[in-house]
N, C-alpha and C. Protein backbone atom coordinates (compact mmCIF):
# COMPACT_ATOMS: atom_id res chain seq x y z
N UNK A 1 -0.93 -63.39 21.37
CA UNK A 1 -0.33 -62.39 22.24
C UNK A 1 0.80 -62.84 23.27
N UNK A 2 0.67 -64.22 23.57
CA UNK A 2 1.63 -64.71 24.56
C UNK A 2 3.09 -64.57 24.25
N UNK A 3 3.43 -64.64 22.98
CA UNK A 3 4.88 -64.47 22.59
C UNK A 3 5.28 -63.04 22.82
N UNK A 4 4.48 -62.07 22.52
CA UNK A 4 4.85 -60.70 22.74
C UNK A 4 4.90 -60.35 24.19
N UNK A 5 4.01 -60.92 25.04
CA UNK A 5 4.02 -60.76 26.39
C UNK A 5 5.32 -61.35 27.01
N UNK A 6 5.75 -62.45 26.44
CA UNK A 6 6.89 -63.13 26.97
C UNK A 6 8.09 -62.27 26.82
N UNK A 7 8.15 -61.49 25.79
CA UNK A 7 9.33 -60.48 25.63
C UNK A 7 9.45 -59.52 26.71
N UNK A 8 8.23 -59.01 27.21
CA UNK A 8 8.27 -58.09 28.31
C UNK A 8 8.60 -58.74 29.63
N UNK A 9 8.17 -60.06 29.79
CA UNK A 9 8.50 -60.75 30.91
C UNK A 9 10.00 -61.00 30.97
N UNK A 10 10.67 -61.34 29.93
CA UNK A 10 12.13 -61.52 29.88
C UNK A 10 12.83 -60.22 30.23
N UNK A 11 12.33 -59.16 29.67
CA UNK A 11 12.92 -57.84 30.00
C UNK A 11 12.85 -57.49 31.41
N UNK A 12 11.77 -57.88 32.07
CA UNK A 12 11.55 -57.64 33.55
C UNK A 12 12.48 -58.46 34.32
N UNK A 13 12.68 -59.82 34.04
CA UNK A 13 13.57 -60.69 34.70
C UNK A 13 15.02 -60.21 34.63
N UNK A 14 15.36 -59.66 33.44
CA UNK A 14 16.81 -59.16 33.33
C UNK A 14 16.97 -57.91 34.18
N UNK A 15 16.06 -57.12 34.18
CA UNK A 15 16.08 -55.89 35.05
C UNK A 15 16.21 -56.20 36.58
N UNK A 16 15.36 -57.24 36.92
CA UNK A 16 15.37 -57.64 38.37
C UNK A 16 16.70 -58.28 38.72
N UNK A 17 17.27 -59.04 37.73
CA UNK A 17 18.49 -59.73 37.92
C UNK A 17 19.65 -58.70 38.16
N UNK A 18 19.60 -57.60 37.36
CA UNK A 18 20.54 -56.57 37.49
C UNK A 18 20.45 -55.84 38.84
N UNK A 19 19.20 -55.64 39.31
CA UNK A 19 18.95 -55.03 40.60
C UNK A 19 19.46 -55.87 41.73
N UNK A 20 19.20 -57.24 41.61
CA UNK A 20 19.63 -58.10 42.74
C UNK A 20 21.21 -58.17 42.81
N UNK A 21 21.83 -58.20 41.62
CA UNK A 21 23.30 -58.07 41.67
C UNK A 21 23.85 -56.88 42.28
N UNK A 22 23.07 -55.75 42.22
CA UNK A 22 23.65 -54.54 42.83
C UNK A 22 23.16 -54.30 44.29
N UNK A 23 22.38 -55.13 44.85
CA UNK A 23 21.83 -54.90 46.12
C UNK A 23 22.89 -54.72 47.20
N UNK A 24 23.92 -55.51 47.31
CA UNK A 24 24.88 -55.29 48.41
C UNK A 24 25.46 -53.96 48.45
N UNK A 25 25.63 -53.31 47.24
CA UNK A 25 26.19 -51.91 47.26
C UNK A 25 25.25 -50.86 47.45
N UNK A 26 23.97 -51.19 47.30
CA UNK A 26 22.89 -50.20 47.26
C UNK A 26 22.01 -50.21 48.50
N UNK A 27 22.43 -51.05 49.49
CA UNK A 27 21.60 -51.05 50.72
C UNK A 27 21.24 -49.66 51.25
N UNK A 28 19.88 -49.44 51.42
CA UNK A 28 19.55 -48.16 52.01
C UNK A 28 19.26 -47.09 50.89
N UNK A 29 19.33 -47.54 49.64
CA UNK A 29 19.20 -46.68 48.50
C UNK A 29 18.12 -46.96 47.62
N UNK A 30 17.00 -47.61 48.18
CA UNK A 30 15.79 -48.00 47.38
C UNK A 30 14.73 -46.91 47.46
N UNK A 31 14.00 -46.76 46.29
CA UNK A 31 12.76 -45.95 46.30
C UNK A 31 11.83 -46.73 45.47
N UNK A 32 10.55 -46.89 45.98
CA UNK A 32 9.50 -47.48 45.26
C UNK A 32 8.40 -46.47 45.14
N UNK A 33 7.90 -46.16 43.87
CA UNK A 33 6.99 -45.09 43.65
C UNK A 33 5.82 -45.44 42.87
N UNK A 34 4.67 -45.70 43.43
CA UNK A 34 3.40 -45.83 42.62
C UNK A 34 3.07 -44.52 41.98
N UNK A 35 2.75 -44.40 40.63
CA UNK A 35 2.43 -43.22 40.05
C UNK A 35 1.06 -43.18 39.45
N UNK A 36 0.44 -42.02 39.27
CA UNK A 36 -0.79 -41.85 38.62
C UNK A 36 -0.70 -40.61 37.77
N UNK A 37 -1.18 -40.66 36.49
CA UNK A 37 -1.00 -39.53 35.66
C UNK A 37 -1.95 -39.46 34.45
N UNK A 38 -1.64 -38.56 33.51
CA UNK A 38 -2.49 -38.53 32.33
C UNK A 38 -1.50 -38.42 31.11
N UNK A 39 -1.77 -39.28 30.12
CA UNK A 39 -1.00 -39.30 29.00
C UNK A 39 -1.80 -38.95 27.68
N UNK A 40 -1.14 -38.07 26.87
CA UNK A 40 -1.87 -37.51 25.64
C UNK A 40 -0.94 -37.58 24.50
N UNK A 41 -1.58 -37.78 23.33
CA UNK A 41 -0.82 -37.85 22.08
C UNK A 41 -0.81 -39.05 21.27
N UNK A 42 -0.27 -39.11 20.12
CA UNK A 42 -0.15 -40.32 19.29
C UNK A 42 -1.28 -40.43 18.26
N UNK A 43 -1.02 -41.06 17.17
CA UNK A 43 -2.00 -41.25 16.22
C UNK A 43 -1.71 -42.49 15.43
N UNK A 44 -2.63 -42.97 14.62
CA UNK A 44 -2.61 -44.14 13.82
C UNK A 44 -3.32 -43.96 12.46
N UNK A 45 -3.05 -44.72 11.53
CA UNK A 45 -3.64 -44.54 10.16
C UNK A 45 -4.09 -46.01 9.67
N UNK A 46 -5.26 -46.17 9.18
CA UNK A 46 -5.76 -47.41 8.65
C UNK A 46 -5.27 -47.49 7.18
N UNK A 47 -4.58 -48.60 6.87
CA UNK A 47 -3.83 -48.67 5.63
C UNK A 47 -4.67 -48.65 4.34
N UNK A 48 -5.79 -49.38 4.30
CA UNK A 48 -6.51 -49.34 3.05
C UNK A 48 -7.35 -48.06 2.88
N UNK A 49 -8.04 -47.58 3.91
CA UNK A 49 -8.89 -46.45 3.71
C UNK A 49 -8.21 -45.03 3.77
N UNK A 50 -7.03 -45.09 4.55
CA UNK A 50 -6.22 -43.82 4.85
C UNK A 50 -6.85 -43.16 6.14
N UNK A 51 -7.84 -43.78 6.74
CA UNK A 51 -8.52 -43.12 7.92
C UNK A 51 -7.44 -42.89 8.99
N UNK A 52 -7.43 -41.60 9.51
CA UNK A 52 -6.47 -41.37 10.70
C UNK A 52 -7.28 -41.36 11.89
N UNK A 53 -6.69 -41.87 12.95
CA UNK A 53 -7.32 -41.92 14.26
C UNK A 53 -6.22 -41.48 15.38
N UNK A 54 -6.69 -40.47 16.16
CA UNK A 54 -5.78 -40.09 17.27
C UNK A 54 -5.92 -41.13 18.43
N UNK A 55 -4.81 -41.30 19.12
CA UNK A 55 -4.92 -42.18 20.32
C UNK A 55 -5.42 -41.23 21.42
N UNK A 56 -6.55 -41.45 21.98
CA UNK A 56 -7.13 -40.50 23.06
C UNK A 56 -6.31 -40.43 24.25
N UNK A 57 -6.29 -39.21 24.79
CA UNK A 57 -5.70 -39.02 26.11
C UNK A 57 -6.43 -39.77 27.15
N UNK A 58 -5.62 -40.30 28.12
CA UNK A 58 -6.28 -41.10 29.27
C UNK A 58 -5.44 -41.16 30.39
N UNK A 59 -6.01 -41.71 31.51
CA UNK A 59 -5.33 -41.94 32.76
C UNK A 59 -4.27 -43.03 32.52
N UNK A 60 -3.17 -42.85 33.20
CA UNK A 60 -2.03 -43.91 33.11
C UNK A 60 -1.62 -44.21 34.57
N UNK A 61 -1.35 -45.34 34.88
CA UNK A 61 -0.75 -45.65 36.15
C UNK A 61 0.42 -46.62 36.09
N UNK A 62 1.18 -46.69 37.19
CA UNK A 62 2.43 -47.60 36.98
C UNK A 62 3.22 -47.58 38.28
N UNK A 63 4.43 -48.15 38.19
CA UNK A 63 5.25 -48.33 39.31
C UNK A 63 6.71 -48.04 38.95
N UNK A 64 7.44 -47.24 39.66
CA UNK A 64 8.89 -46.95 39.34
C UNK A 64 9.72 -47.44 40.59
N UNK A 65 10.76 -48.18 40.26
CA UNK A 65 11.81 -48.53 41.26
C UNK A 65 13.05 -47.80 40.90
N UNK A 66 13.62 -47.02 41.88
CA UNK A 66 14.81 -46.44 41.83
C UNK A 66 15.89 -47.02 42.80
N UNK A 67 17.12 -47.16 42.34
CA UNK A 67 18.19 -47.73 43.05
C UNK A 67 19.40 -46.58 43.11
N UNK A 68 19.90 -46.42 44.13
CA UNK A 68 21.03 -45.34 44.21
C UNK A 68 22.18 -45.78 43.35
N UNK A 69 22.71 -44.97 42.53
CA UNK A 69 23.82 -45.35 41.72
C UNK A 69 25.04 -44.51 42.24
N UNK A 70 24.79 -43.18 42.56
CA UNK A 70 25.75 -42.38 43.20
C UNK A 70 25.09 -41.25 43.88
N UNK A 71 25.71 -40.33 44.55
CA UNK A 71 25.07 -39.23 45.31
C UNK A 71 24.06 -38.42 44.41
N UNK A 72 24.37 -38.21 43.26
CA UNK A 72 23.53 -37.35 42.44
C UNK A 72 22.78 -38.12 41.22
N UNK A 73 22.65 -39.48 41.41
CA UNK A 73 22.13 -40.22 40.45
C UNK A 73 21.44 -41.59 40.88
N UNK A 74 20.41 -42.05 40.11
CA UNK A 74 19.84 -43.31 40.42
C UNK A 74 19.57 -44.11 39.16
N UNK A 75 19.57 -45.51 39.30
CA UNK A 75 19.05 -46.32 38.25
C UNK A 75 17.53 -46.32 38.37
N UNK A 76 16.84 -46.47 37.22
CA UNK A 76 15.35 -46.40 37.26
C UNK A 76 14.77 -47.57 36.51
N UNK A 77 13.87 -48.25 37.03
CA UNK A 77 13.06 -49.23 36.39
C UNK A 77 11.56 -48.80 36.48
N UNK A 78 10.91 -48.83 35.24
CA UNK A 78 9.64 -48.15 35.01
C UNK A 78 8.64 -49.14 34.35
N UNK A 79 7.43 -49.24 34.86
CA UNK A 79 6.37 -49.93 34.36
C UNK A 79 5.16 -48.98 34.28
N UNK A 80 4.56 -48.86 33.20
CA UNK A 80 3.22 -48.09 33.01
C UNK A 80 2.23 -48.83 32.28
N UNK A 81 0.98 -48.47 32.50
CA UNK A 81 -0.15 -48.99 31.83
C UNK A 81 -1.15 -47.86 31.44
N UNK A 82 -1.48 -47.87 30.18
CA UNK A 82 -2.45 -46.87 29.72
C UNK A 82 -3.53 -47.62 28.95
N UNK A 83 -4.76 -47.38 29.40
CA UNK A 83 -5.94 -47.89 28.76
C UNK A 83 -6.60 -46.82 27.87
N UNK A 84 -6.62 -46.94 26.68
CA UNK A 84 -7.03 -45.78 25.72
C UNK A 84 -7.91 -46.33 24.62
N UNK A 85 -8.19 -45.50 23.72
CA UNK A 85 -8.95 -45.79 22.45
C UNK A 85 -8.39 -45.00 21.32
N UNK A 86 -8.57 -45.70 20.06
CA UNK A 86 -8.48 -44.96 18.87
C UNK A 86 -9.72 -44.12 18.60
N UNK A 87 -9.58 -42.88 18.21
CA UNK A 87 -10.69 -41.96 18.10
C UNK A 87 -11.42 -42.26 16.68
N UNK A 88 -12.29 -43.27 16.82
CA UNK A 88 -13.14 -43.54 15.61
C UNK A 88 -14.55 -43.35 15.98
N UNK A 89 -15.31 -42.60 15.19
CA UNK A 89 -16.72 -42.22 15.33
C UNK A 89 -17.54 -43.52 15.36
N UNK A 90 -18.13 -43.84 16.54
CA UNK A 90 -18.99 -45.00 16.71
C UNK A 90 -18.27 -46.21 16.42
N UNK A 91 -16.79 -46.30 16.42
CA UNK A 91 -16.15 -47.41 16.16
C UNK A 91 -16.07 -47.89 14.77
N UNK A 92 -16.44 -47.04 13.82
CA UNK A 92 -16.49 -47.46 12.35
C UNK A 92 -15.29 -46.81 11.67
N UNK A 93 -14.72 -47.72 10.74
CA UNK A 93 -13.78 -47.26 9.73
C UNK A 93 -14.55 -47.02 8.56
N UNK A 94 -14.57 -45.71 8.04
CA UNK A 94 -15.29 -45.39 6.78
C UNK A 94 -14.54 -45.73 5.54
N UNK A 95 -15.22 -45.44 4.40
CA UNK A 95 -14.65 -45.46 3.07
C UNK A 95 -14.67 -46.87 2.48
N UNK A 96 -15.08 -47.87 3.19
CA UNK A 96 -15.39 -49.22 2.58
C UNK A 96 -16.75 -49.30 2.07
N UNK A 97 -17.07 -50.23 1.18
CA UNK A 97 -18.31 -50.41 0.70
C UNK A 97 -19.32 -50.65 1.80
N UNK A 98 -18.90 -51.49 2.75
CA UNK A 98 -19.63 -51.61 4.01
C UNK A 98 -18.65 -51.28 5.16
N UNK A 99 -18.84 -50.05 5.73
CA UNK A 99 -17.93 -49.60 6.81
C UNK A 99 -17.72 -50.64 7.85
N UNK A 100 -16.48 -50.85 8.19
CA UNK A 100 -16.02 -51.94 9.12
C UNK A 100 -16.10 -51.38 10.54
N UNK A 101 -16.70 -52.03 11.37
CA UNK A 101 -16.83 -51.69 12.79
C UNK A 101 -15.90 -52.47 13.61
N UNK A 102 -15.08 -51.85 14.55
CA UNK A 102 -14.18 -52.50 15.47
C UNK A 102 -14.35 -51.92 16.81
N UNK A 103 -13.81 -52.62 17.90
CA UNK A 103 -13.62 -52.03 19.18
C UNK A 103 -12.37 -51.30 19.15
N UNK A 104 -12.43 -49.97 19.31
CA UNK A 104 -11.23 -49.05 19.23
C UNK A 104 -10.34 -49.06 20.50
N UNK A 105 -10.74 -49.88 21.43
CA UNK A 105 -9.87 -49.89 22.69
C UNK A 105 -8.44 -50.46 22.48
N UNK A 106 -7.48 -49.78 23.26
CA UNK A 106 -6.02 -50.18 23.15
C UNK A 106 -5.57 -50.14 24.53
N UNK A 107 -4.69 -51.10 24.82
CA UNK A 107 -3.85 -51.08 26.07
C UNK A 107 -2.43 -50.85 25.74
N UNK A 108 -1.72 -50.02 26.38
CA UNK A 108 -0.29 -49.79 26.08
C UNK A 108 0.59 -50.08 27.31
N UNK A 109 1.24 -51.06 27.41
CA UNK A 109 2.07 -51.48 28.57
C UNK A 109 3.51 -51.28 28.21
N UNK A 110 4.18 -50.52 29.14
CA UNK A 110 5.63 -50.11 28.95
C UNK A 110 6.46 -50.55 30.06
N UNK A 111 7.64 -51.17 29.61
CA UNK A 111 8.61 -51.53 30.66
C UNK A 111 9.93 -50.88 30.10
N UNK A 112 10.60 -50.13 30.99
CA UNK A 112 11.88 -49.42 30.50
C UNK A 112 12.84 -49.42 31.73
N UNK A 113 14.10 -49.20 31.30
CA UNK A 113 15.15 -49.05 32.35
C UNK A 113 16.10 -47.94 31.91
N UNK A 114 16.54 -47.29 32.89
CA UNK A 114 17.46 -46.07 32.61
C UNK A 114 18.10 -45.44 33.81
N UNK A 115 18.32 -44.14 33.66
CA UNK A 115 18.99 -43.43 34.79
C UNK A 115 18.35 -42.07 35.06
N UNK A 116 18.44 -41.61 36.30
CA UNK A 116 17.94 -40.38 36.76
C UNK A 116 19.06 -39.58 37.31
N UNK A 117 19.22 -38.29 36.95
CA UNK A 117 20.18 -37.37 37.41
C UNK A 117 19.68 -36.21 38.21
N UNK A 118 20.02 -36.03 39.46
CA UNK A 118 19.68 -34.93 40.27
C UNK A 118 20.34 -33.69 39.84
N UNK A 119 19.66 -32.58 39.88
CA UNK A 119 20.18 -31.25 39.56
C UNK A 119 20.48 -30.37 40.71
N UNK A 120 20.21 -30.89 41.82
CA UNK A 120 20.46 -30.01 43.10
C UNK A 120 20.78 -31.05 44.22
N UNK A 121 21.78 -30.59 45.10
CA UNK A 121 22.15 -31.49 46.24
C UNK A 121 21.18 -31.43 47.42
N UNK A 122 20.29 -30.44 47.41
CA UNK A 122 19.33 -30.22 48.44
C UNK A 122 18.61 -31.58 48.87
N UNK A 123 18.70 -32.11 50.01
CA UNK A 123 18.15 -33.41 50.32
C UNK A 123 16.62 -33.39 50.39
N UNK A 124 16.03 -32.23 50.54
CA UNK A 124 14.57 -32.26 50.65
C UNK A 124 13.78 -31.81 49.35
N UNK A 125 14.54 -31.08 48.45
CA UNK A 125 13.87 -30.74 47.20
C UNK A 125 14.87 -30.96 46.08
N UNK A 126 14.50 -31.89 45.18
CA UNK A 126 15.51 -32.34 44.26
C UNK A 126 14.99 -32.37 42.82
N UNK A 127 15.24 -31.43 42.07
CA UNK A 127 14.89 -31.40 40.61
C UNK A 127 15.70 -32.41 39.89
N UNK A 128 15.23 -32.99 38.87
CA UNK A 128 16.01 -34.09 38.11
C UNK A 128 15.52 -34.14 36.69
N UNK A 129 16.47 -34.87 35.87
CA UNK A 129 16.06 -35.18 34.57
C UNK A 129 16.28 -36.76 34.53
N UNK A 130 15.42 -37.40 33.61
CA UNK A 130 15.55 -38.89 33.62
C UNK A 130 15.40 -39.34 32.16
N UNK A 131 16.01 -40.49 31.75
CA UNK A 131 15.93 -41.11 30.43
C UNK A 131 15.85 -42.58 30.60
N UNK A 132 14.93 -43.27 29.89
CA UNK A 132 14.84 -44.64 30.02
C UNK A 132 14.59 -45.28 28.65
N UNK A 133 14.92 -46.53 28.47
CA UNK A 133 14.73 -47.29 27.16
C UNK A 133 14.17 -48.64 27.49
N UNK A 134 13.38 -49.19 26.64
CA UNK A 134 12.82 -50.45 26.82
C UNK A 134 11.82 -50.88 25.67
N UNK A 135 10.63 -51.47 26.09
CA UNK A 135 9.73 -51.97 25.09
C UNK A 135 8.26 -51.52 25.48
N UNK A 136 7.45 -51.39 24.56
CA UNK A 136 6.02 -51.09 24.70
C UNK A 136 5.17 -52.23 24.09
N UNK A 137 4.22 -52.80 24.76
CA UNK A 137 3.27 -53.74 24.16
C UNK A 137 1.96 -53.04 23.92
N UNK A 138 1.55 -52.93 22.60
CA UNK A 138 0.28 -52.32 22.21
C UNK A 138 -0.77 -53.47 22.02
N UNK A 139 -1.83 -53.57 22.82
CA UNK A 139 -2.73 -54.59 22.74
C UNK A 139 -4.10 -54.15 22.43
N UNK A 140 -4.67 -54.40 21.16
CA UNK A 140 -6.15 -53.98 20.91
C UNK A 140 -7.05 -54.81 21.79
N UNK A 141 -8.21 -54.24 22.20
CA UNK A 141 -9.16 -54.95 22.92
C UNK A 141 -9.97 -55.82 22.01
N UNK A 142 -10.17 -55.42 20.75
CA UNK A 142 -10.95 -56.14 19.89
C UNK A 142 -10.18 -57.55 19.54
N UNK A 143 -10.91 -58.72 19.86
CA UNK A 143 -10.31 -60.03 19.66
C UNK A 143 -9.91 -60.37 18.27
N UNK A 144 -10.47 -59.53 17.24
CA UNK A 144 -10.17 -59.84 15.92
C UNK A 144 -8.90 -59.09 15.44
N UNK A 145 -8.32 -58.29 16.41
CA UNK A 145 -7.14 -57.54 15.96
C UNK A 145 -5.90 -57.97 16.79
N UNK A 146 -4.73 -57.96 16.10
CA UNK A 146 -3.45 -58.39 16.75
C UNK A 146 -2.71 -57.07 16.94
N UNK A 147 -1.91 -57.05 18.09
CA UNK A 147 -1.06 -55.89 18.35
C UNK A 147 0.41 -56.24 18.10
N UNK A 148 1.31 -55.60 18.92
CA UNK A 148 2.67 -55.85 18.66
C UNK A 148 3.49 -55.20 19.79
N UNK A 149 4.76 -55.58 19.84
CA UNK A 149 5.68 -55.21 20.78
C UNK A 149 6.79 -54.35 20.19
N UNK A 150 7.10 -53.12 20.58
CA UNK A 150 7.96 -52.19 19.96
C UNK A 150 8.99 -51.55 20.93
N UNK A 151 10.09 -51.29 20.36
CA UNK A 151 11.16 -50.56 21.07
C UNK A 151 10.58 -49.13 21.42
N UNK A 152 10.84 -48.77 22.73
CA UNK A 152 10.39 -47.42 23.14
C UNK A 152 11.37 -46.79 24.03
N UNK A 153 11.26 -45.42 24.21
CA UNK A 153 12.08 -44.71 25.09
C UNK A 153 11.29 -43.54 25.66
N UNK A 154 11.93 -42.93 26.69
CA UNK A 154 11.28 -41.75 27.34
C UNK A 154 12.33 -40.77 27.85
N UNK A 155 11.97 -39.57 27.94
CA UNK A 155 12.83 -38.54 28.57
C UNK A 155 11.86 -37.49 29.22
N UNK A 156 12.37 -37.10 30.49
CA UNK A 156 11.50 -36.17 31.15
C UNK A 156 12.38 -35.55 32.22
N UNK A 157 11.63 -34.81 33.06
CA UNK A 157 12.13 -34.04 34.16
C UNK A 157 11.03 -33.75 35.22
N UNK A 158 11.52 -33.54 36.38
CA UNK A 158 10.49 -33.31 37.47
C UNK A 158 11.20 -32.88 38.78
N UNK A 159 10.44 -33.15 39.86
CA UNK A 159 10.77 -32.69 41.14
C UNK A 159 10.56 -33.82 42.17
N UNK A 160 11.45 -34.17 43.03
CA UNK A 160 11.21 -35.02 44.12
C UNK A 160 11.27 -34.20 45.47
N UNK A 161 10.16 -34.29 46.24
CA UNK A 161 10.18 -33.56 47.45
C UNK A 161 10.06 -34.53 48.63
N UNK A 162 10.94 -34.40 49.59
CA UNK A 162 11.02 -35.30 50.74
C UNK A 162 10.68 -34.59 52.09
N UNK A 163 9.42 -34.59 52.45
CA UNK A 163 9.09 -33.99 53.75
C UNK A 163 9.62 -34.77 54.92
N UNK A 164 9.87 -36.10 54.64
CA UNK A 164 10.39 -36.95 55.70
C UNK A 164 11.47 -37.92 55.13
N UNK A 165 12.13 -38.61 56.02
CA UNK A 165 13.23 -39.43 55.52
C UNK A 165 12.77 -40.66 54.63
N UNK A 166 11.57 -41.13 54.91
CA UNK A 166 11.06 -42.40 54.26
C UNK A 166 9.89 -42.12 53.30
N UNK A 167 9.46 -40.91 53.18
CA UNK A 167 8.24 -40.65 52.33
C UNK A 167 8.50 -39.44 51.54
N UNK A 168 8.10 -39.46 50.27
CA UNK A 168 8.22 -38.25 49.42
C UNK A 168 7.16 -38.20 48.35
N UNK A 169 7.29 -37.07 47.51
CA UNK A 169 6.28 -36.97 46.50
C UNK A 169 7.11 -36.68 45.25
N UNK A 170 6.67 -37.27 44.11
CA UNK A 170 7.43 -37.20 42.82
C UNK A 170 6.43 -36.50 41.71
N UNK A 171 6.74 -35.39 41.26
CA UNK A 171 6.08 -34.60 40.32
C UNK A 171 6.88 -34.62 39.01
N UNK A 172 6.19 -35.04 37.90
CA UNK A 172 6.98 -35.34 36.68
C UNK A 172 6.23 -34.97 35.37
N UNK A 173 6.98 -34.61 34.28
CA UNK A 173 6.49 -34.43 33.04
C UNK A 173 7.47 -35.20 32.10
N UNK A 174 6.82 -36.15 31.30
CA UNK A 174 7.82 -37.03 30.58
C UNK A 174 7.18 -37.24 29.17
N UNK A 175 8.09 -37.25 28.18
CA UNK A 175 7.67 -37.64 26.83
C UNK A 175 8.05 -39.03 26.43
N UNK A 176 7.16 -39.74 25.73
CA UNK A 176 7.43 -41.06 25.32
C UNK A 176 7.49 -41.19 23.77
N UNK A 177 8.32 -42.03 23.30
CA UNK A 177 8.40 -42.37 21.92
C UNK A 177 8.30 -43.88 21.70
N UNK A 178 7.34 -44.38 21.00
CA UNK A 178 7.23 -45.74 20.75
C UNK A 178 7.43 -45.97 19.26
N UNK A 179 8.59 -46.64 18.92
CA UNK A 179 9.09 -46.73 17.56
C UNK A 179 8.34 -47.68 16.71
N UNK A 180 7.16 -47.23 16.41
CA UNK A 180 6.25 -47.95 15.41
C UNK A 180 6.07 -46.99 14.37
N UNK A 181 6.70 -47.20 13.14
CA UNK A 181 6.60 -46.29 12.01
C UNK A 181 5.26 -46.36 11.29
N UNK A 182 5.19 -45.61 10.22
CA UNK A 182 3.97 -45.60 9.37
C UNK A 182 3.80 -46.93 8.54
N UNK A 183 4.79 -47.85 8.76
CA UNK A 183 4.62 -49.06 8.16
C UNK A 183 4.58 -50.24 9.21
N UNK A 184 4.49 -49.88 10.41
CA UNK A 184 4.41 -50.81 11.54
C UNK A 184 3.02 -51.10 11.95
N UNK A 185 2.60 -52.32 11.98
CA UNK A 185 1.23 -52.75 12.22
C UNK A 185 1.03 -52.77 13.78
N UNK A 186 0.24 -51.81 14.25
CA UNK A 186 -0.01 -51.75 15.68
C UNK A 186 -1.42 -52.32 16.01
N UNK A 187 -2.29 -52.48 15.09
CA UNK A 187 -3.65 -53.06 15.43
C UNK A 187 -4.12 -53.63 14.12
N UNK A 188 -3.93 -54.95 13.83
CA UNK A 188 -4.36 -55.48 12.42
C UNK A 188 -5.26 -56.72 12.64
N UNK A 189 -6.13 -56.88 11.66
CA UNK A 189 -6.98 -58.01 11.70
C UNK A 189 -6.48 -59.16 10.85
N UNK A 190 -6.67 -60.41 11.40
CA UNK A 190 -6.19 -61.56 10.62
C UNK A 190 -7.34 -62.00 9.68
N UNK A 191 -8.37 -61.24 9.69
CA UNK A 191 -9.55 -61.61 8.71
C UNK A 191 -10.82 -61.32 9.28
N UNK A 192 -11.04 -61.67 10.69
CA UNK A 192 -12.33 -61.56 11.29
C UNK A 192 -12.79 -60.16 11.40
N UNK A 193 -11.87 -59.19 11.36
CA UNK A 193 -12.36 -57.75 11.56
C UNK A 193 -12.39 -57.13 10.16
N UNK A 194 -12.47 -57.89 9.09
CA UNK A 194 -12.70 -57.26 7.79
C UNK A 194 -11.45 -56.73 7.10
N UNK A 195 -10.20 -57.25 7.54
CA UNK A 195 -9.02 -56.87 6.95
C UNK A 195 -8.44 -55.54 7.36
N UNK A 196 -8.97 -54.95 8.48
CA UNK A 196 -8.53 -53.63 8.97
C UNK A 196 -7.19 -53.71 9.53
N UNK A 197 -6.27 -52.81 9.23
CA UNK A 197 -4.94 -52.70 9.79
C UNK A 197 -4.56 -51.19 10.01
N UNK A 198 -4.17 -50.97 11.32
CA UNK A 198 -3.73 -49.64 11.67
C UNK A 198 -2.19 -49.68 11.89
N UNK A 199 -1.63 -48.56 11.36
CA UNK A 199 -0.13 -48.45 11.48
C UNK A 199 0.08 -47.07 12.18
N UNK A 200 1.44 -46.92 12.71
CA UNK A 200 1.85 -45.64 13.17
C UNK A 200 1.71 -44.57 12.20
N UNK A 201 1.18 -43.44 12.58
CA UNK A 201 1.05 -42.42 11.53
C UNK A 201 1.74 -41.07 11.77
N UNK A 202 2.76 -41.13 12.62
CA UNK A 202 3.58 -39.92 12.95
C UNK A 202 4.97 -40.08 12.58
N UNK A 203 5.26 -40.41 11.30
CA UNK A 203 6.61 -40.64 10.87
C UNK A 203 7.24 -41.94 11.40
N UNK A 204 8.24 -41.86 12.18
CA UNK A 204 8.98 -43.00 12.66
C UNK A 204 8.63 -43.47 14.09
N UNK A 205 7.72 -42.73 14.74
CA UNK A 205 7.46 -43.04 16.05
C UNK A 205 6.05 -42.60 16.48
N UNK A 206 5.47 -43.16 17.51
CA UNK A 206 4.25 -42.60 18.13
C UNK A 206 4.70 -41.75 19.39
N UNK A 207 4.37 -40.52 19.29
CA UNK A 207 4.85 -39.57 20.42
C UNK A 207 3.76 -39.23 21.34
N UNK A 208 4.01 -39.37 22.64
CA UNK A 208 3.09 -39.08 23.62
C UNK A 208 3.78 -38.26 24.69
N UNK A 209 2.96 -37.51 25.45
CA UNK A 209 3.47 -36.82 26.63
C UNK A 209 2.64 -37.05 27.84
N UNK A 210 3.26 -37.11 29.04
CA UNK A 210 2.54 -37.57 30.23
C UNK A 210 2.94 -36.56 31.42
N UNK A 211 1.99 -36.32 32.20
CA UNK A 211 2.18 -35.54 33.47
C UNK A 211 1.72 -36.53 34.60
N UNK A 212 2.49 -36.63 35.69
CA UNK A 212 2.17 -37.67 36.66
C UNK A 212 2.54 -37.14 38.08
N UNK A 213 2.04 -37.79 39.13
CA UNK A 213 2.38 -37.60 40.48
C UNK A 213 2.57 -39.04 41.13
N UNK A 214 3.56 -39.09 42.01
CA UNK A 214 3.70 -40.37 42.60
C UNK A 214 4.06 -40.23 44.14
N UNK A 215 3.87 -41.26 44.96
CA UNK A 215 4.11 -41.26 46.37
C UNK A 215 5.46 -42.13 46.42
N UNK A 216 6.51 -41.46 46.93
CA UNK A 216 7.83 -42.14 47.06
C UNK A 216 7.87 -42.86 48.43
N UNK A 217 8.22 -44.12 48.36
CA UNK A 217 8.55 -44.83 49.69
C UNK A 217 9.94 -45.26 49.65
N UNK A 218 10.75 -44.69 50.69
CA UNK A 218 12.16 -44.97 50.70
C UNK A 218 12.49 -46.02 51.73
N UNK A 219 13.47 -46.89 51.26
CA UNK A 219 13.93 -48.02 52.10
C UNK A 219 15.42 -47.93 52.41
């Protein structure tokens, strides 16, 4: 997994480098927002048995950094973590002569960069739309299974409320697409797990939807 994790680290360093280069022009235009939400959706299919498993809905948390781009827009850097499971009864993959048991736990870590556009000039109540692109690392908890890093994107909308100059609330609904097709290996065994291999099972992407709330800290 170190190689895949390194890809996310490189992406983060590039994003931070871009932010540092922009700092002189963006002084006073920072927002840091810890978020907490719930993400639902997505499925996978085991290649040999054809067993389909939904990705269970679960709590997601993360951190969003926004930098002022213009009066009605911001750059956005996003990190989220979802700890979830494949919906397998008692952890068993059926249809084998001896059903294979695995730990169905998954971690999905996402790093993305994009832009946010405000739909109202009201300084205290600002609806917006947002779009980001980046990468998602899918990591099985079972040590016998390997995961992968995939291109991903998101699109959403929400509301930023500013009761004071330096503190606000972010309410958001966002859809995620992780581009792991029905031939992309998202959780596969190198042998110790009995040759089990799960792939994306929703066409050309794993689709999820998320509702979240965040505390905005402005600088």
